[in-house]
């Protein structure tokens, strides 16, 4: 269990932070950038939840918890040492990805096929979900970059890829099942 008695520690004042294994790294390190951007995704989900209700709000709450799991996974770079760790690191698992896929499929059966790209907007909830989608895509790009430099849990990468899809489909649901989607009209303003 996490206990935070004091919020500031002064240990990061020189531009370094501690990873989950205790190693100190620069705050601009790719790994820190990756899990920091996952935290940004979580904040945007909090905004979306201001507009969400019922099953959508419950799904977004699950996603917020998953995003903390994802941040915990990304802040522990030493996957080869997981078995020997005093406290086994929390890692993303395939079941979390499968849940997203099942939810995407369940939403998608209610949507007409797209005949154009969708512009971010429509209802307030849809607009926030598009923001979630774009920030999660940025987090995914950073995690893919990290994976070229260091080991990254494949389930973490897959989860982020599927998550942006979830946000897209959920945004269409929030736009009256896609009927109120704002569609791109190529060259409309030439």
N, C-alpha and C. Protein backbone atom coordinates (compact mmCIF):
# COMPACT_ATOMS: atom_id res chain seq x y z
N UNK A 1 0.85 -1.17 0.00
CA UNK A 1 0.00 0.00 0.00
C UNK A 1 0.90 1.24 0.00
N UNK A 2 0.49 2.24 -0.70
CA UNK A 2 1.23 3.49 -0.79
C UNK A 2 0.83 4.38 0.38
N UNK A 3 1.84 4.96 1.03
CA UNK A 3 1.61 5.93 2.09
C UNK A 3 2.41 7.18 1.74
N UNK A 4 1.74 8.28 1.58
CA UNK A 4 2.40 9.54 1.25
C UNK A 4 2.14 10.53 2.38
N UNK A 5 3.12 10.67 3.25
CA UNK A 5 2.98 11.61 4.35
C UNK A 5 3.45 13.00 3.98
N UNK A 6 4.40 13.06 3.07
CA UNK A 6 4.97 14.32 2.65
C UNK A 6 5.01 14.34 1.13
N UNK A 7 4.48 15.38 0.52
CA UNK A 7 4.38 15.41 -0.93
C UNK A 7 5.69 15.85 -1.58
N UNK A 8 6.35 16.84 -1.04
CA UNK A 8 7.63 17.25 -1.64
C UNK A 8 8.78 16.60 -0.87
N UNK A 9 9.80 16.17 -1.63
CA UNK A 9 10.94 15.47 -1.02
C UNK A 9 12.26 16.19 -1.28
N UNK A 10 12.26 17.09 -2.23
CA UNK A 10 13.46 17.82 -2.68
C UNK A 10 14.46 16.94 -3.42
N UNK A 11 14.16 15.66 -3.59
CA UNK A 11 15.12 14.77 -4.25
C UNK A 11 15.17 14.98 -5.76
N UNK A 12 14.18 15.68 -6.30
CA UNK A 12 14.17 15.93 -7.74
C UNK A 12 14.58 17.33 -8.12
N UNK A 13 15.05 18.09 -7.19
CA UNK A 13 15.38 19.49 -7.45
C UNK A 13 16.51 19.68 -8.45
N UNK A 14 17.35 18.68 -8.61
CA UNK A 14 18.48 18.79 -9.54
C UNK A 14 18.15 18.19 -10.91
N UNK A 15 16.86 17.89 -11.16
CA UNK A 15 16.48 17.39 -12.48
C UNK A 15 16.51 15.89 -12.63
N UNK A 16 16.56 15.17 -11.53
CA UNK A 16 16.53 13.71 -11.58
C UNK A 16 15.31 13.21 -10.81
N UNK A 17 14.91 11.97 -11.13
CA UNK A 17 13.82 11.32 -10.42
C UNK A 17 14.17 9.86 -10.21
N UNK A 18 13.48 9.20 -9.32
CA UNK A 18 13.72 7.79 -9.05
C UNK A 18 12.73 6.93 -9.82
N UNK A 19 13.24 5.87 -10.43
CA UNK A 19 12.37 4.88 -11.05
C UNK A 19 11.87 3.92 -9.97
N UNK A 20 10.99 3.03 -10.34
CA UNK A 20 10.42 2.10 -9.38
C UNK A 20 11.41 1.14 -8.76
N UNK A 21 12.55 0.95 -9.40
CA UNK A 21 13.60 0.09 -8.85
C UNK A 21 14.63 0.87 -8.04
N UNK A 22 14.40 2.17 -7.86
CA UNK A 22 15.30 3.01 -7.08
C UNK A 22 16.38 3.72 -7.89
N UNK A 23 16.57 3.32 -9.14
CA UNK A 23 17.59 3.97 -9.98
C UNK A 23 17.20 5.42 -10.22
N UNK A 24 18.21 6.29 -10.25
CA UNK A 24 17.99 7.72 -10.50
C UNK A 24 18.26 7.99 -11.97
N UNK A 25 17.35 8.73 -12.60
CA UNK A 25 17.50 9.09 -14.01
C UNK A 25 17.07 10.53 -14.19
N UNK A 26 17.50 11.11 -15.32
CA UNK A 26 17.10 12.48 -15.65
C UNK A 26 15.59 12.52 -15.88
N UNK A 27 14.97 13.62 -15.46
CA UNK A 27 13.53 13.77 -15.64
C UNK A 27 13.12 13.83 -17.11
N UNK A 28 14.08 14.09 -17.99
CA UNK A 28 13.77 14.11 -19.42
C UNK A 28 14.05 12.77 -20.11
N UNK A 29 14.37 11.74 -19.34
CA UNK A 29 14.63 10.42 -19.91
C UNK A 29 13.38 9.92 -20.64
N UNK A 30 13.60 9.14 -21.69
CA UNK A 30 12.48 8.64 -22.49
C UNK A 30 11.50 7.86 -21.62
N UNK A 31 12.00 7.05 -20.72
CA UNK A 31 11.11 6.26 -19.84
C UNK A 31 10.24 7.17 -18.99
N UNK A 32 10.82 8.20 -18.42
CA UNK A 32 10.05 9.13 -17.58
C UNK A 32 9.04 9.88 -18.44
N UNK A 33 9.46 10.26 -19.64
CA UNK A 33 8.56 10.92 -20.58
C UNK A 33 7.38 10.01 -20.93
N UNK A 34 7.66 8.72 -21.10
CA UNK A 34 6.60 7.76 -21.46
C UNK A 34 5.58 7.63 -20.34
N UNK A 35 6.05 7.35 -19.11
CA UNK A 35 5.05 7.16 -18.05
C UNK A 35 4.45 8.49 -17.61
N UNK A 36 5.15 9.59 -17.82
CA UNK A 36 4.55 10.89 -17.55
C UNK A 36 3.42 11.19 -18.52
N UNK A 37 3.57 10.77 -19.75
CA UNK A 37 2.51 10.98 -20.74
C UNK A 37 1.33 10.05 -20.47
N UNK A 38 1.59 8.87 -19.95
CA UNK A 38 0.49 7.99 -19.51
C UNK A 38 -0.30 8.69 -18.40
N UNK A 39 0.39 9.40 -17.52
CA UNK A 39 -0.29 10.17 -16.48
C UNK A 39 -1.15 11.27 -17.11
N UNK A 40 -0.66 11.89 -18.18
CA UNK A 40 -1.47 12.89 -18.90
C UNK A 40 -2.73 12.26 -19.47
N UNK A 41 -2.61 11.06 -20.02
CA UNK A 41 -3.79 10.36 -20.53
C UNK A 41 -4.80 10.21 -19.39
N UNK A 42 -4.32 9.80 -18.23
CA UNK A 42 -5.20 9.60 -17.08
C UNK A 42 -5.92 10.90 -16.71
N UNK A 43 -5.21 12.02 -16.79
CA UNK A 43 -5.84 13.31 -16.48
C UNK A 43 -6.92 13.66 -17.50
N UNK A 44 -6.68 13.34 -18.77
CA UNK A 44 -7.70 13.62 -19.78
C UNK A 44 -8.91 12.71 -19.59
N UNK A 45 -8.69 11.50 -19.14
CA UNK A 45 -9.81 10.60 -18.83
C UNK A 45 -10.64 11.19 -17.69
N UNK A 46 -9.96 11.80 -16.72
CA UNK A 46 -10.69 12.47 -15.64
C UNK A 46 -11.60 13.57 -16.17
N UNK A 47 -11.13 14.30 -17.17
CA UNK A 47 -11.97 15.32 -17.81
C UNK A 47 -13.17 14.68 -18.51
N UNK A 48 -12.92 13.60 -19.24
CA UNK A 48 -14.01 12.92 -19.94
C UNK A 48 -15.06 12.42 -18.95
N UNK A 49 -14.61 11.96 -17.80
CA UNK A 49 -15.55 11.42 -16.81
C UNK A 49 -16.50 12.49 -16.28
N UNK A 50 -16.13 13.76 -16.40
CA UNK A 50 -17.04 14.83 -15.99
C UNK A 50 -18.31 14.84 -16.84
N UNK A 51 -18.21 14.30 -18.05
CA UNK A 51 -19.35 14.26 -18.97
C UNK A 51 -19.98 12.87 -19.08
N UNK A 52 -19.31 11.86 -18.56
CA UNK A 52 -19.76 10.48 -18.75
C UNK A 52 -20.73 10.05 -17.66
N UNK A 53 -21.54 9.07 -18.02
CA UNK A 53 -22.49 8.50 -17.06
C UNK A 53 -22.54 6.99 -17.25
N UNK A 54 -23.11 6.31 -16.28
CA UNK A 54 -23.42 4.89 -16.39
C UNK A 54 -22.25 4.01 -16.78
N UNK A 55 -22.49 3.16 -17.79
CA UNK A 55 -21.48 2.19 -18.22
C UNK A 55 -20.22 2.87 -18.75
N UNK A 56 -20.40 4.01 -19.43
CA UNK A 56 -19.23 4.72 -19.97
C UNK A 56 -18.35 5.22 -18.83
N UNK A 57 -18.96 5.80 -17.81
CA UNK A 57 -18.18 6.27 -16.67
C UNK A 57 -17.49 5.11 -15.97
N UNK A 58 -18.18 3.99 -15.82
CA UNK A 58 -17.58 2.81 -15.17
C UNK A 58 -16.40 2.30 -15.98
N UNK A 59 -16.54 2.28 -17.31
CA UNK A 59 -15.43 1.83 -18.17
C UNK A 59 -14.25 2.78 -18.06
N UNK A 60 -14.53 4.09 -18.04
CA UNK A 60 -13.45 5.07 -17.90
C UNK A 60 -12.76 4.95 -16.54
N UNK A 61 -13.51 4.63 -15.50
CA UNK A 61 -12.90 4.42 -14.18
C UNK A 61 -11.95 3.22 -14.23
N UNK A 62 -12.36 2.14 -14.90
CA UNK A 62 -11.47 0.97 -15.05
C UNK A 62 -10.21 1.36 -15.82
N UNK A 63 -10.40 2.14 -16.87
CA UNK A 63 -9.25 2.58 -17.67
C UNK A 63 -8.31 3.42 -16.82
N UNK A 64 -8.84 4.30 -15.99
CA UNK A 64 -7.96 5.11 -15.13
C UNK A 64 -7.12 4.23 -14.22
N UNK A 65 -7.73 3.20 -13.67
CA UNK A 65 -6.97 2.29 -12.82
C UNK A 65 -5.91 1.55 -13.62
N UNK A 66 -6.29 1.09 -14.84
CA UNK A 66 -5.31 0.44 -15.72
C UNK A 66 -4.14 1.36 -16.03
N UNK A 67 -4.44 2.64 -16.22
CA UNK A 67 -3.36 3.59 -16.54
C UNK A 67 -2.38 3.74 -15.39
N UNK A 68 -2.86 3.64 -14.14
CA UNK A 68 -1.92 3.62 -13.02
C UNK A 68 -1.09 2.34 -13.05
N UNK A 69 -1.74 1.20 -13.39
CA UNK A 69 -0.99 -0.04 -13.55
C UNK A 69 0.08 0.12 -14.62
N UNK A 70 -0.29 0.75 -15.73
CA UNK A 70 0.64 0.97 -16.83
C UNK A 70 1.81 1.85 -16.40
N UNK A 71 1.53 2.91 -15.67
CA UNK A 71 2.60 3.76 -15.16
C UNK A 71 3.54 2.99 -14.24
N UNK A 72 2.96 2.14 -13.39
CA UNK A 72 3.78 1.32 -12.49
C UNK A 72 4.66 0.36 -13.28
N UNK A 73 4.10 -0.20 -14.35
CA UNK A 73 4.86 -1.10 -15.22
C UNK A 73 6.02 -0.35 -15.86
N UNK A 74 5.73 0.79 -16.44
CA UNK A 74 6.76 1.54 -17.17
C UNK A 74 7.86 2.10 -16.27
N UNK A 75 7.56 2.34 -15.01
CA UNK A 75 8.60 2.92 -14.13
C UNK A 75 9.55 1.86 -13.58
N UNK A 76 9.32 0.58 -13.94
CA UNK A 76 10.22 -0.51 -13.52
C UNK A 76 10.92 -1.10 -14.74
N UNK A 77 12.15 -0.66 -15.05
CA UNK A 77 12.81 -1.10 -16.28
C UNK A 77 13.42 -2.49 -16.23
N UNK A 78 13.55 -3.05 -15.07
CA UNK A 78 14.34 -4.28 -14.91
C UNK A 78 13.47 -5.54 -14.98
N UNK A 79 12.82 -5.78 -16.13
CA UNK A 79 11.90 -6.91 -16.27
C UNK A 79 12.60 -8.26 -16.04
N UNK A 80 13.86 -8.35 -16.40
CA UNK A 80 14.58 -9.62 -16.23
C UNK A 80 14.75 -9.96 -14.75
N UNK A 81 14.67 -8.96 -13.89
CA UNK A 81 14.86 -9.17 -12.45
C UNK A 81 13.54 -9.22 -11.69
N UNK A 82 12.42 -9.30 -12.39
CA UNK A 82 11.11 -9.29 -11.73
C UNK A 82 10.98 -10.39 -10.68
N UNK A 83 11.44 -11.61 -10.99
CA UNK A 83 11.26 -12.74 -10.09
C UNK A 83 12.06 -12.57 -8.80
N UNK A 84 13.18 -11.86 -8.87
CA UNK A 84 14.02 -11.69 -7.68
C UNK A 84 13.67 -10.45 -6.87
N UNK A 85 12.78 -9.61 -7.37
CA UNK A 85 12.47 -8.36 -6.69
C UNK A 85 11.79 -8.62 -5.35
N UNK A 86 12.12 -7.80 -4.36
CA UNK A 86 11.51 -7.93 -3.04
C UNK A 86 10.00 -7.76 -3.13
N UNK A 87 9.58 -6.85 -3.97
CA UNK A 87 8.16 -6.63 -4.24
C UNK A 87 7.97 -6.82 -5.74
N UNK A 88 7.32 -7.91 -6.14
CA UNK A 88 7.15 -8.15 -7.58
C UNK A 88 6.47 -6.94 -8.25
N UNK A 89 7.07 -6.45 -9.33
CA UNK A 89 6.52 -5.28 -10.02
C UNK A 89 5.15 -5.59 -10.62
N UNK A 90 4.33 -4.58 -10.69
CA UNK A 90 3.03 -4.69 -11.33
C UNK A 90 3.25 -4.57 -12.82
N UNK A 91 2.80 -5.54 -13.58
CA UNK A 91 2.95 -5.54 -15.04
C UNK A 91 1.57 -5.62 -15.69
N UNK A 92 1.43 -4.97 -16.82
CA UNK A 92 0.22 -5.09 -17.62
C UNK A 92 0.13 -6.53 -18.13
N UNK A 93 -1.10 -7.02 -18.30
CA UNK A 93 -1.30 -8.40 -18.75
C UNK A 93 -2.27 -8.41 -19.94
N UNK A 94 -2.23 -9.50 -20.67
CA UNK A 94 -3.06 -9.63 -21.87
C UNK A 94 -4.54 -9.49 -21.57
N UNK A 95 -4.99 -9.90 -20.40
CA UNK A 95 -6.41 -9.81 -20.05
C UNK A 95 -6.91 -8.36 -20.08
N UNK A 96 -6.04 -7.41 -19.76
CA UNK A 96 -6.44 -6.01 -19.81
C UNK A 96 -6.67 -5.56 -21.25
N UNK A 97 -5.85 -6.06 -22.15
CA UNK A 97 -6.02 -5.76 -23.58
C UNK A 97 -7.29 -6.42 -24.10
N UNK A 98 -7.51 -7.67 -23.73
CA UNK A 98 -8.70 -8.40 -24.19
C UNK A 98 -9.98 -7.73 -23.71
N UNK A 99 -9.97 -7.16 -22.50
CA UNK A 99 -11.15 -6.45 -22.01
C UNK A 99 -11.45 -5.25 -22.89
N UNK A 100 -10.41 -4.48 -23.25
CA UNK A 100 -10.61 -3.34 -24.14
C UNK A 100 -11.17 -3.79 -25.48
N UNK A 101 -10.62 -4.87 -26.03
CA UNK A 101 -11.10 -5.37 -27.31
C UNK A 101 -12.56 -5.78 -27.24
N UNK A 102 -12.95 -6.45 -26.16
CA UNK A 102 -14.35 -6.87 -26.01
C UNK A 102 -15.27 -5.65 -25.91
N UNK A 103 -14.82 -4.62 -25.19
CA UNK A 103 -15.62 -3.40 -25.06
C UNK A 103 -15.71 -2.66 -26.40
N UNK A 104 -14.62 -2.63 -27.16
CA UNK A 104 -14.64 -2.00 -28.49
C UNK A 104 -15.65 -2.73 -29.38
N UNK A 105 -15.56 -4.05 -29.39
CA UNK A 105 -16.46 -4.85 -30.22
C UNK A 105 -17.92 -4.63 -29.83
N UNK A 106 -18.19 -4.56 -28.52
CA UNK A 106 -19.57 -4.36 -28.05
C UNK A 106 -20.10 -3.00 -28.46
N UNK A 107 -19.26 -1.97 -28.43
CA UNK A 107 -19.69 -0.63 -28.86
C UNK A 107 -19.84 -0.58 -30.37
N UNK A 108 -18.92 -1.19 -31.07
CA UNK A 108 -18.85 -1.06 -32.53
C UNK A 108 -20.05 -1.67 -33.24
N UNK A 109 -20.70 -2.66 -32.64
CA UNK A 109 -21.86 -3.27 -33.31
C UNK A 109 -23.01 -2.29 -33.45
N UNK A 110 -23.00 -1.21 -32.66
CA UNK A 110 -24.07 -0.20 -32.71
C UNK A 110 -23.75 0.94 -33.68
N UNK A 111 -22.60 0.91 -34.31
CA UNK A 111 -22.15 2.02 -35.15
C UNK A 111 -22.19 1.65 -36.63
N UNK A 112 -22.63 2.59 -37.44
CA UNK A 112 -22.58 2.40 -38.89
C UNK A 112 -21.12 2.51 -39.34
N UNK A 113 -20.75 1.81 -40.40
CA UNK A 113 -19.38 1.93 -40.91
C UNK A 113 -19.09 3.38 -41.32
N UNK A 114 -17.86 3.78 -41.14
CA UNK A 114 -17.46 5.14 -41.51
C UNK A 114 -17.25 5.26 -43.01
N UNK A 115 -17.66 6.38 -43.56
CA UNK A 115 -17.45 6.69 -44.98
C UNK A 115 -16.53 7.90 -45.14
N UNK A 116 -16.08 8.44 -44.01
CA UNK A 116 -15.16 9.58 -43.99
C UNK A 116 -14.43 9.56 -42.66
N UNK A 117 -13.35 10.33 -42.57
CA UNK A 117 -12.68 10.49 -41.29
C UNK A 117 -13.53 11.36 -40.39
N UNK A 118 -13.39 11.15 -39.07
CA UNK A 118 -14.16 11.90 -38.09
C UNK A 118 -13.28 13.00 -37.53
N UNK A 119 -13.81 14.22 -37.51
CA UNK A 119 -13.12 15.34 -36.88
C UNK A 119 -13.40 15.31 -35.37
N UNK A 120 -12.42 15.65 -34.55
CA UNK A 120 -12.66 15.68 -33.11
C UNK A 120 -13.74 16.69 -32.77
N UNK A 121 -14.75 16.25 -32.07
CA UNK A 121 -15.82 17.16 -31.67
C UNK A 121 -17.14 16.46 -31.59
N UNK A 122 -18.20 17.25 -31.72
CA UNK A 122 -19.55 16.74 -31.54
C UNK A 122 -20.01 17.08 -30.14
N UNK A 123 -20.35 16.07 -29.38
CA UNK A 123 -20.79 16.31 -28.00
C UNK A 123 -19.58 16.62 -27.12
N UNK A 124 -19.81 17.24 -25.95
CA UNK A 124 -18.67 17.47 -25.04
C UNK A 124 -17.93 16.18 -24.68
N UNK A 125 -18.66 15.10 -24.39
CA UNK A 125 -18.00 13.84 -24.06
C UNK A 125 -17.16 13.35 -25.23
N UNK A 126 -17.70 13.42 -26.44
CA UNK A 126 -16.94 12.97 -27.61
C UNK A 126 -15.67 13.78 -27.78
N UNK A 127 -15.76 15.09 -27.58
CA UNK A 127 -14.57 15.95 -27.72
C UNK A 127 -13.50 15.55 -26.70
N UNK A 128 -13.92 15.30 -25.45
CA UNK A 128 -12.95 14.88 -24.43
C UNK A 128 -12.35 13.51 -24.78
N UNK A 129 -13.17 12.61 -25.29
CA UNK A 129 -12.66 11.29 -25.66
C UNK A 129 -11.67 11.38 -26.82
N UNK A 130 -11.88 12.31 -27.74
CA UNK A 130 -10.89 12.53 -28.80
C UNK A 130 -9.59 13.07 -28.21
N UNK A 131 -9.68 13.93 -27.21
CA UNK A 131 -8.47 14.40 -26.53
C UNK A 131 -7.75 13.22 -25.88
N UNK A 132 -8.51 12.35 -25.21
CA UNK A 132 -7.92 11.14 -24.62
C UNK A 132 -7.21 10.31 -25.69
N UNK A 133 -7.86 10.17 -26.84
CA UNK A 133 -7.31 9.38 -27.95
C UNK A 133 -5.98 9.94 -28.41
N UNK A 134 -5.91 11.26 -28.60
CA UNK A 134 -4.68 11.83 -29.15
C UNK A 134 -3.54 11.78 -28.14
N UNK A 135 -3.85 11.99 -26.86
CA UNK A 135 -2.79 11.92 -25.85
C UNK A 135 -2.34 10.47 -25.67
N UNK A 136 -3.26 9.52 -25.77
CA UNK A 136 -2.85 8.11 -25.65
C UNK A 136 -1.99 7.69 -26.84
N UNK A 137 -2.26 8.26 -28.03
CA UNK A 137 -1.40 7.98 -29.19
C UNK A 137 0.01 8.53 -28.95
N UNK A 138 0.09 9.71 -28.34
CA UNK A 138 1.42 10.26 -28.03
C UNK A 138 2.14 9.37 -27.02
N UNK A 139 1.42 8.91 -26.01
CA UNK A 139 2.02 8.00 -25.03
C UNK A 139 2.51 6.73 -25.70
N UNK A 140 1.72 6.23 -26.63
CA UNK A 140 2.13 5.03 -27.37
C UNK A 140 3.40 5.29 -28.17
N UNK A 141 3.47 6.43 -28.85
CA UNK A 141 4.68 6.74 -29.63
C UNK A 141 5.91 6.79 -28.72
N UNK A 142 5.77 7.37 -27.55
CA UNK A 142 6.89 7.44 -26.62
C UNK A 142 7.28 6.06 -26.11
N UNK A 143 6.29 5.20 -25.86
CA UNK A 143 6.60 3.85 -25.40
C UNK A 143 7.27 3.03 -26.50
N UNK A 144 6.85 3.23 -27.74
CA UNK A 144 7.51 2.56 -28.86
C UNK A 144 8.95 3.05 -28.98
N UNK A 145 9.16 4.35 -28.82
CA UNK A 145 10.53 4.88 -28.83
C UNK A 145 11.34 4.26 -27.70
N UNK A 146 10.75 4.19 -26.51
CA UNK A 146 11.44 3.58 -25.37
C UNK A 146 11.81 2.13 -25.67
N UNK A 147 10.92 1.42 -26.33
CA UNK A 147 11.17 0.00 -26.64
C UNK A 147 12.33 -0.18 -27.61
N UNK A 148 12.71 0.87 -28.35
CA UNK A 148 13.90 0.76 -29.22
C UNK A 148 15.19 0.92 -28.41
N UNK A 149 15.05 1.43 -27.18
CA UNK A 149 16.22 1.70 -26.34
C UNK A 149 16.35 0.72 -25.18
N UNK A 150 15.22 0.30 -24.64
CA UNK A 150 15.20 -0.54 -23.45
C UNK A 150 14.05 -1.54 -23.56
N UNK A 151 14.06 -2.52 -22.67
CA UNK A 151 12.99 -3.50 -22.67
C UNK A 151 11.69 -2.88 -22.16
N UNK A 152 10.59 -3.16 -22.86
CA UNK A 152 9.26 -2.70 -22.46
C UNK A 152 8.31 -3.88 -22.57
N UNK A 153 7.45 -4.02 -21.61
CA UNK A 153 6.44 -5.07 -21.59
C UNK A 153 5.56 -4.96 -22.84
N UNK A 154 5.49 -6.02 -23.62
CA UNK A 154 4.70 -6.02 -24.85
C UNK A 154 3.23 -5.73 -24.55
N UNK A 155 2.71 -6.24 -23.45
CA UNK A 155 1.31 -5.99 -23.09
C UNK A 155 1.06 -4.51 -22.83
N UNK A 156 2.06 -3.80 -22.36
CA UNK A 156 1.91 -2.35 -22.13
C UNK A 156 1.76 -1.63 -23.47
N UNK A 157 2.58 -1.99 -24.44
CA UNK A 157 2.49 -1.38 -25.78
C UNK A 157 1.16 -1.70 -26.44
N UNK A 158 0.76 -2.96 -26.35
CA UNK A 158 -0.50 -3.38 -26.97
C UNK A 158 -1.68 -2.68 -26.32
N UNK A 159 -1.64 -2.53 -24.99
CA UNK A 159 -2.73 -1.86 -24.28
C UNK A 159 -2.89 -0.42 -24.79
N UNK A 160 -1.79 0.30 -24.91
CA UNK A 160 -1.88 1.69 -25.39
C UNK A 160 -2.42 1.76 -26.82
N UNK A 161 -2.01 0.83 -27.66
CA UNK A 161 -2.51 0.81 -29.03
C UNK A 161 -4.02 0.60 -29.03
N UNK A 162 -4.49 -0.37 -28.26
CA UNK A 162 -5.92 -0.67 -28.21
C UNK A 162 -6.70 0.45 -27.52
N UNK A 163 -6.08 1.11 -26.54
CA UNK A 163 -6.77 2.15 -25.78
C UNK A 163 -7.19 3.31 -26.68
N UNK A 164 -6.32 3.73 -27.58
CA UNK A 164 -6.69 4.83 -28.47
C UNK A 164 -7.86 4.42 -29.36
N UNK A 165 -7.90 3.16 -29.77
CA UNK A 165 -9.05 2.66 -30.53
C UNK A 165 -10.32 2.71 -29.69
N UNK A 166 -10.19 2.33 -28.42
CA UNK A 166 -11.35 2.37 -27.50
C UNK A 166 -11.89 3.79 -27.42
N UNK A 167 -10.99 4.76 -27.24
CA UNK A 167 -11.43 6.15 -27.13
C UNK A 167 -12.13 6.60 -28.41
N UNK A 168 -11.63 6.18 -29.57
CA UNK A 168 -12.25 6.57 -30.83
C UNK A 168 -13.67 6.02 -30.94
N UNK A 169 -13.82 4.73 -30.68
CA UNK A 169 -15.14 4.11 -30.79
C UNK A 169 -16.09 4.70 -29.74
N UNK A 170 -15.59 4.91 -28.53
CA UNK A 170 -16.42 5.51 -27.48
C UNK A 170 -16.83 6.93 -27.85
N UNK A 171 -15.97 7.67 -28.55
CA UNK A 171 -16.33 9.03 -28.97
C UNK A 171 -17.48 8.99 -29.97
N UNK A 172 -17.47 8.01 -30.84
CA UNK A 172 -18.57 7.86 -31.79
C UNK A 172 -19.87 7.50 -31.06
N UNK A 173 -19.77 6.65 -30.06
CA UNK A 173 -20.96 6.31 -29.26
C UNK A 173 -21.50 7.56 -28.57
N UNK A 174 -20.58 8.41 -28.09
CA UNK A 174 -21.00 9.63 -27.40
C UNK A 174 -21.62 10.64 -28.35
N UNK A 175 -21.41 10.46 -29.64
CA UNK A 175 -22.02 11.32 -30.66
C UNK A 175 -23.26 10.64 -31.23
N UNK A 176 -24.16 10.28 -30.33
CA UNK A 176 -25.44 9.66 -30.72
C UNK A 176 -25.19 8.44 -31.60
N UNK A 177 -24.31 7.57 -31.13
CA UNK A 177 -24.04 6.35 -31.87
C UNK A 177 -23.45 6.60 -33.24
N UNK A 178 -22.71 7.69 -33.39
CA UNK A 178 -22.07 8.05 -34.65
C UNK A 178 -22.91 8.96 -35.53
N UNK A 179 -24.20 9.11 -35.22
CA UNK A 179 -25.08 9.95 -36.05
C UNK A 179 -24.70 11.42 -35.99
N UNK A 180 -24.10 11.85 -34.89
CA UNK A 180 -23.71 13.25 -34.73
C UNK A 180 -22.20 13.45 -34.89
N UNK A 181 -21.51 12.46 -35.47
CA UNK A 181 -20.08 12.63 -35.74
C UNK A 181 -19.88 13.82 -36.68
N UNK A 182 -18.80 14.53 -36.44
CA UNK A 182 -18.42 15.63 -37.33
C UNK A 182 -17.46 15.04 -38.36
N UNK A 183 -17.89 14.98 -39.60
CA UNK A 183 -17.10 14.31 -40.63
C UNK A 183 -16.23 15.28 -41.41
N UNK A 184 -15.06 14.79 -41.78
CA UNK A 184 -14.14 15.55 -42.62
C UNK A 184 -14.69 15.62 -44.03
N UNK A 185 -14.66 16.79 -44.61
CA UNK A 185 -15.04 16.98 -46.01
C UNK A 185 -13.77 17.43 -46.73
N UNK A 186 -13.11 16.54 -47.44
CA UNK A 186 -11.83 16.88 -48.08
C UNK A 186 -11.97 18.09 -49.00
N UNK A 187 -11.08 19.05 -48.81
CA UNK A 187 -11.03 20.24 -49.67
C UNK A 187 -12.23 21.17 -49.53
N UNK A 188 -13.00 21.07 -48.48
CA UNK A 188 -14.24 21.86 -48.35
C UNK A 188 -14.00 23.36 -48.33
N UNK A 189 -12.84 23.79 -47.93
CA UNK A 189 -12.61 25.24 -47.78
C UNK A 189 -11.59 25.80 -48.77
N UNK A 190 -11.40 25.13 -49.86
CA UNK A 190 -10.44 25.59 -50.86
C UNK A 190 -10.93 26.86 -51.52
